[in-house]
Structures are given as C-alpha cells and as structure tokens.
Amino acid sequence: MSKIIGLTGGIGSGKTTVANMFLELDVPVYIADDEAKKLMNKSKIIKRKLLKLFGDKAYVNDTLYKPFIAKKIFNNKELLEKMNAIVHPKVATHFKRWVAKQKAPYVIKEAAILFENQNYLQCDAIILVVADEDTRIQRVIKRDNSTKKQVKAIMSNQWPDEKKIALSQFVIKNNTLPNTRKEVKKIHKKILTTICET
C-alpha cells in the first residue's frame, strides 16, 4: 500500500500550488477540501444533516450555497465544529477507498486542517507549506475577493506555523515559485529514498 504524506499549511500559504507540483512528478494527490465540497453535494446523508444544522437556505437548487454557509460559520467556532463533525468522517472514508486504488510508492493528502483535527496521525510524514502572514493575506484577498477581516478570522481557527513546524518532517517556504519547485523535487527524492523504503 502507498505511504501517506500529509500536505498542509495555513490559508494562503500555497498548498494547492505545491500539490500541483507533486502531480507533475506523477504523485497521486487527494485534495480534501475539493472532495468535501463534492460530498456535500452528492451525499444524501450529509445533505440531510447540513439542512438540519443550517436550515433550508443551506442549499439552492440542490447545490450547497457556499456564501450562506461561509457567513454562518464566520466567527462561529461551535457551528464550524458541528459542520466538520458531519463532513470529515465521510471524507476520511472516501480517502481510504481512494488510497486503496493507488499504485504509486506514496500519495499526497492535501488538507488545510490536518493538525487541528488530528488527521496528521494517520500520515507517514508531513510536508508543511509556510509563507509570511502579509503575503498569505494578500493572496487570499486576491483569490477569494475576501476582506482582511475574513482572512484573519479563518487564520484564527488554524494553528500557528510554529506549532505545526514542530510536528512536520518537511517545511517548504513558499515565497518564489522556482525555489518552491526546487524544494518539492528535493522532498520527493527524500520521500522515495527514506520513507518509501521503510
């Protein structure tokens, strides 16, 4: 069975950019947030539970209405935790099935809150992507059209980098793309020669 390498980092750190670089190296990548969104729309059980939690406005034309959900969980940790308790177990099951089908020496599981929900314990190693806070805030504002206040609120629900660095085997400083690509290739070789051979 493939080794599981967790890929994480705070919002705006550039996890997806790094994930795509691993894809280019033919490493299978599982983007947990994307799969969670798909399951929120496809799974009847999740849909029923989310409607119960958020009310009828949670879905519009049978599709999860993200702006409404985002507004509801913004600054509401309890509601966010309840939503995660509905969605995350289903994503975990889906991931297990996906891994079982892979033939590569290792796979990447990209998830924003790998540490916060203890999922890092199921990984053979962790790659953490970091960038300075101002860069991250600017990236998210540009990407999501959000405000600085909204980005800061999301950041407050995530562990600080220092805490995550202590539990990570690899750290990528994502400041320039050529440098990040170099780091990815270096880590890829190291995973193949150390982790995949144990």
Foldseek 3Di string as FASTA:
>chain_A
DAAEEEEEEAFQLCSVVLQVLVVVVVAAEAELVVVLQVCCQVPPQLVVQVCVLQNDVCDDPSHGPVVSVLVVCQVPVVSVVSNCVSRVVVSVVVVVVVVVPDDDNHHYYYDHACPVVVVCVRHLFYEYGGEDPVSSLVSCCVVVVDDSSSSVSSRVSHDDVVVVVVRGPHYAHPDDDVRNSVSSVVVVVVCVPPVSVD
